[in-house]
């Protein structure tokens, strides 16, 4: 290795593959509403439109399926996922168990976990004020909720929460796009953190009950806004 090469040996760049760029563009189109739920994602048509190889599209669609944004059916191919009411309700109730446990652990949680909640709130509210993309707002919104589970100091519970929000992200993104309610969501999250910081955890006006109502409202809003039955 030359001296010049050795000087820069610690430097690196992250290479983004064509597959990743293709998947990113498809995610953007889904979150922005250009590709609605149920839309067939045809490999040949997408390859022609995006100017990439069909094999690239196939791999990108595999990523969307893994993300829960698309479904693959035998003899029918891949299409944008359609949220189901029963799944939305079940996910919201499971989130209540995990996030509720995090809220109850606030007083015993370490400073790092509590600061993570405050930081995730700040990042989300900053993105709302900056009119960030629907995809970014969706990710930051759900990251805030996962940070609540982090208060339990249980990596397994956090992993479970991350799995749950992946199932919900498409439905939630569609509601946020239809209702354009990100500012209301940010205000609600700020009110929850205010209750936590004040030590008001239990009782009818405490953070635990506030979170329960918040998640119940979210469940109802998603089912109603998307016309799910």
Protein backbone atom coordinates (compact mmCIF):
# COMPACT_ATOMS: atom_id res chain seq x y z
CA UNK A 1 0.00 0.00 0.00
CA UNK A 2 1.35 3.44 -0.92
CA UNK A 3 1.84 6.15 1.67
CA UNK A 4 -0.99 8.15 0.09
CA UNK A 5 -3.34 5.18 0.19
CA UNK A 6 -2.40 4.51 3.79
CA UNK A 7 -3.24 8.07 4.73
CA UNK A 8 -6.84 7.56 3.61
CA UNK A 9 -7.22 3.94 4.70
CA UNK A 10 -9.74 4.83 7.40
CA UNK A 11 -12.07 6.65 4.97
CA UNK A 12 -15.07 4.95 3.39
CA UNK A 13 -18.27 5.72 1.58
CA UNK A 14 -21.57 3.86 1.69
CA UNK A 15 -22.44 2.52 -1.74
CA UNK A 16 -26.14 2.39 -2.53
CA UNK A 17 -27.08 -0.36 -4.93
CA UNK A 18 -29.57 -0.04 -7.75
CA UNK A 19 -31.83 -2.44 -5.85
CA UNK A 20 -31.82 -0.18 -2.80
CA UNK A 21 -32.51 2.91 -4.89
CA UNK A 22 -35.36 1.14 -6.65
CA UNK A 23 -36.87 -0.01 -3.36
CA UNK A 24 -36.52 3.51 -1.95
CA UNK A 25 -38.38 5.01 -4.94
CA UNK A 26 -41.18 2.46 -4.60
CA UNK A 27 -41.46 3.16 -0.87
CA UNK A 28 -41.68 6.88 -1.59
CA UNK A 29 -44.44 6.32 -4.15
CA UNK A 30 -46.39 4.18 -1.69
CA UNK A 31 -46.07 6.65 1.18
CA UNK A 32 -46.91 9.60 -1.07
CA UNK A 33 -50.05 7.86 -2.34
CA UNK A 34 -48.89 7.44 -5.94
CA UNK A 35 -49.22 3.67 -5.47
CA UNK A 36 -52.41 2.92 -3.53
CA UNK A 37 -53.18 -0.21 -1.52
CA UNK A 38 -53.96 -3.11 -3.82
CA UNK A 39 -52.03 -1.70 -6.79
CA UNK A 40 -50.32 -4.57 -8.69
CA UNK A 41 -46.55 -4.08 -8.88
CA UNK A 42 -45.69 -5.59 -12.26
CA UNK A 43 -42.02 -6.36 -12.74
CA UNK A 44 -41.85 -5.63 -16.48
CA UNK A 45 -43.79 -2.35 -16.28
CA UNK A 46 -41.76 -1.14 -13.30
CA UNK A 47 -38.47 -2.11 -14.94
CA UNK A 48 -39.42 -0.13 -18.06
CA UNK A 49 -40.61 2.88 -16.05
CA UNK A 50 -37.58 3.01 -13.76
CA UNK A 51 -35.03 2.07 -16.41
CA UNK A 52 -33.62 -0.87 -14.44
CA UNK A 53 -33.34 -4.60 -14.98
CA UNK A 54 -36.28 -6.83 -14.17
CA UNK A 55 -34.12 -8.76 -11.70
CA UNK A 56 -33.47 -5.47 -9.87
CA UNK A 57 -37.20 -4.83 -9.56
CA UNK A 58 -37.73 -8.39 -8.32
CA UNK A 59 -35.20 -7.90 -5.52
CA UNK A 60 -36.63 -4.48 -4.63
CA UNK A 61 -40.13 -5.94 -4.41
CA UNK A 62 -38.75 -8.58 -2.07
CA UNK A 63 -37.62 -5.78 0.25
CA UNK A 64 -41.09 -4.21 0.18
CA UNK A 65 -42.66 -7.55 1.04
CA UNK A 66 -40.24 -7.96 3.94
CA UNK A 67 -41.16 -4.43 5.11
CA UNK A 68 -44.86 -5.30 5.08
CA UNK A 69 -45.56 -2.67 2.42
CA UNK A 70 -46.39 -5.24 -0.25
CA UNK A 71 -47.71 -8.81 -0.42
CA UNK A 72 -46.76 -11.64 -2.76
CA UNK A 73 -49.51 -14.05 -3.81
CA UNK A 74 -49.13 -17.24 -5.81
CA UNK A 75 -50.16 -16.76 -9.45
CA UNK A 76 -51.00 -13.10 -8.79
CA UNK A 77 -47.59 -11.58 -8.16
CA UNK A 78 -46.84 -8.64 -5.87
CA UNK A 79 -49.17 -5.79 -4.95
CA UNK A 80 -49.21 -2.94 -2.45
CA UNK A 81 -50.49 -4.30 0.88
CA UNK A 82 -54.06 -3.63 1.97
CA UNK A 83 -54.40 -3.01 5.74
CA UNK A 84 -56.91 -5.29 7.46
CA UNK A 85 -59.14 -4.04 10.29
CA UNK A 86 -58.53 -7.06 12.52
CA UNK A 87 -54.77 -6.68 12.13
CA UNK A 88 -54.88 -2.96 12.89
CA UNK A 89 -56.93 -3.56 16.04
CA UNK A 90 -54.68 -6.38 17.21
CA UNK A 91 -51.50 -4.38 16.63
CA UNK A 92 -52.88 -1.34 18.47
CA UNK A 93 -53.85 -3.48 21.47
CA UNK A 94 -50.46 -5.18 21.54
CA UNK A 95 -48.79 -1.77 21.36
CA UNK A 96 -50.78 -0.67 24.39
CA UNK A 97 -49.35 -3.56 26.43
CA UNK A 98 -45.77 -2.73 25.45
CA UNK A 99 -45.91 1.06 25.44
CA UNK A 100 -48.04 1.09 28.59
CA UNK A 101 -45.35 -0.94 30.34
CA UNK A 102 -42.79 1.63 29.24
CA UNK A 103 -44.82 4.55 30.61
CA UNK A 104 -45.23 2.75 33.95
CA UNK A 105 -41.44 2.27 34.06
CA UNK A 106 -40.68 5.98 33.56
CA UNK A 107 -39.74 6.76 37.15
CA UNK A 108 -37.40 3.74 37.41
CA UNK A 109 -35.92 4.12 33.92
CA UNK A 110 -32.38 5.45 33.55
CA UNK A 111 -31.60 8.91 32.21
CA UNK A 112 -30.50 7.51 28.86
CA UNK A 113 -33.87 5.89 28.20
CA UNK A 114 -35.81 8.97 29.30
CA UNK A 115 -33.61 11.23 27.17
CA UNK A 116 -34.22 8.93 24.19
CA UNK A 117 -37.96 9.61 24.52
CA UNK A 118 -37.41 13.37 24.70
CA UNK A 119 -35.00 13.28 21.76
CA UNK A 120 -37.33 11.21 19.58
CA UNK A 121 -40.12 13.71 20.34
CA UNK A 122 -37.91 16.67 19.41
CA UNK A 123 -36.76 15.07 16.16
CA UNK A 124 -40.35 14.23 15.21
CA UNK A 125 -41.73 17.69 15.99
CA UNK A 126 -38.85 19.34 14.11
CA UNK A 127 -39.66 17.18 11.08
CA UNK A 128 -43.35 18.11 11.31
CA UNK A 129 -42.50 21.82 11.37
CA UNK A 130 -40.17 21.32 8.40
CA UNK A 131 -42.91 19.58 6.37
CA UNK A 132 -40.81 16.46 5.95
CA UNK A 133 -41.93 13.70 3.61
CA UNK A 134 -44.72 11.35 4.63
CA UNK A 135 -42.22 8.50 4.75
CA UNK A 136 -39.93 10.41 7.13
CA UNK A 137 -42.80 11.54 9.37
CA UNK A 138 -44.15 8.02 9.53
CA UNK A 139 -40.79 6.58 10.58
CA UNK A 140 -40.18 9.29 13.20
CA UNK A 141 -43.72 9.03 14.57
CA UNK A 142 -43.37 5.31 15.13
CA UNK A 143 -39.81 5.70 16.48
CA UNK A 144 -41.25 7.85 19.26
CA UNK A 145 -43.62 5.08 20.26
CA UNK A 146 -40.82 2.50 20.21
CA UNK A 147 -38.76 4.80 22.46
CA UNK A 148 -41.50 4.49 25.08
CA UNK A 149 -40.97 0.73 25.13
CA UNK A 150 -37.26 1.40 25.58
CA UNK A 151 -38.10 2.67 29.07
CA UNK A 152 -38.56 -0.98 30.11
CA UNK A 153 -34.83 -1.65 29.45
CA UNK A 154 -35.85 -4.88 27.69
CA UNK A 155 -34.28 -5.44 24.26
CA UNK A 156 -36.83 -8.20 23.58
CA UNK A 157 -39.77 -5.91 24.24
CA UNK A 158 -38.20 -3.22 22.04
CA UNK A 159 -37.73 -5.79 19.25
CA UNK A 160 -41.38 -6.82 19.63
CA UNK A 161 -42.46 -3.17 19.42
CA UNK A 162 -40.38 -2.62 16.27
CA UNK A 163 -42.04 -5.64 14.69
CA UNK A 164 -45.49 -4.32 15.56
CA UNK A 165 -44.93 -0.85 14.14
CA UNK A 166 -43.64 -2.34 10.89
CA UNK A 167 -47.05 -3.98 10.52
CA UNK A 168 -48.82 -0.68 11.16
CA UNK A 169 -46.66 1.74 9.20
CA UNK A 170 -48.55 1.51 5.90
CA UNK A 171 -52.00 2.04 7.46
CA UNK A 172 -50.74 4.87 9.64
CA UNK A 173 -49.00 6.57 6.72
CA UNK A 174 -52.21 6.46 4.69
CA UNK A 175 -54.18 8.07 7.53
CA UNK A 176 -51.53 10.76 8.03
CA UNK A 177 -51.64 11.54 4.32
CA UNK A 178 -55.45 11.62 4.17
CA UNK A 179 -56.00 13.60 7.35
CA UNK A 180 -52.78 15.64 7.29
CA UNK A 181 -52.79 15.43 11.08
CA UNK A 182 -49.06 15.30 11.84
CA UNK A 183 -49.21 18.55 13.85
CA UNK A 184 -51.97 17.13 16.04
CA UNK A 185 -49.97 13.94 16.58
CA UNK A 186 -46.87 15.92 17.54
CA UNK A 187 -48.90 17.99 20.03
CA UNK A 188 -50.36 14.82 21.55
CA UNK A 189 -46.92 13.28 21.95
CA UNK A 190 -45.61 16.47 23.55
CA UNK A 191 -48.50 16.41 26.05
CA UNK A 192 -47.65 12.82 26.95
CA UNK A 193 -44.00 13.67 27.60
CA UNK A 194 -45.05 16.67 29.69
CA UNK A 195 -47.06 14.31 31.90
CA UNK A 196 -44.10 11.94 32.19
CA UNK A 197 -41.69 14.74 33.08
CA UNK A 198 -44.15 15.96 35.73
CA UNK A 199 -44.24 12.48 37.27
CA UNK A 200 -47.96 12.20 36.61
CA UNK A 201 -48.10 8.55 35.63
CA UNK A 202 -51.17 7.00 37.22
CA UNK A 203 -54.76 8.17 37.61
CA UNK A 204 -57.42 9.37 35.17
CA UNK A 205 -55.31 12.38 34.15
CA UNK A 206 -51.97 10.59 34.15
CA UNK A 207 -49.67 9.54 31.33
CA UNK A 208 -50.73 5.88 31.42
CA UNK A 209 -54.39 6.67 30.82
CA UNK A 210 -53.44 9.39 28.30
CA UNK A 211 -51.52 6.81 26.27
CA UNK A 212 -54.41 4.34 26.43
CA UNK A 213 -56.80 6.92 25.00
CA UNK A 214 -54.25 7.99 22.39
CA UNK A 215 -53.81 4.44 21.08
CA UNK A 216 -57.56 3.73 21.20
CA UNK A 217 -58.19 6.90 19.18
CA UNK A 218 -55.47 5.88 16.71
CA UNK A 219 -57.08 2.47 16.23
CA UNK A 220 -60.51 4.02 15.61
CA UNK A 221 -59.10 6.69 13.29
CA UNK A 222 -57.18 4.22 11.13
CA UNK A 223 -60.14 1.87 10.73
CA UNK A 224 -62.55 4.72 10.00
CA UNK A 225 -60.30 6.74 7.68
CA UNK A 226 -59.39 3.76 5.53
CA UNK A 227 -62.92 2.37 5.46
CA UNK A 228 -61.83 -0.93 6.97
CA UNK A 229 -64.40 -3.41 8.27
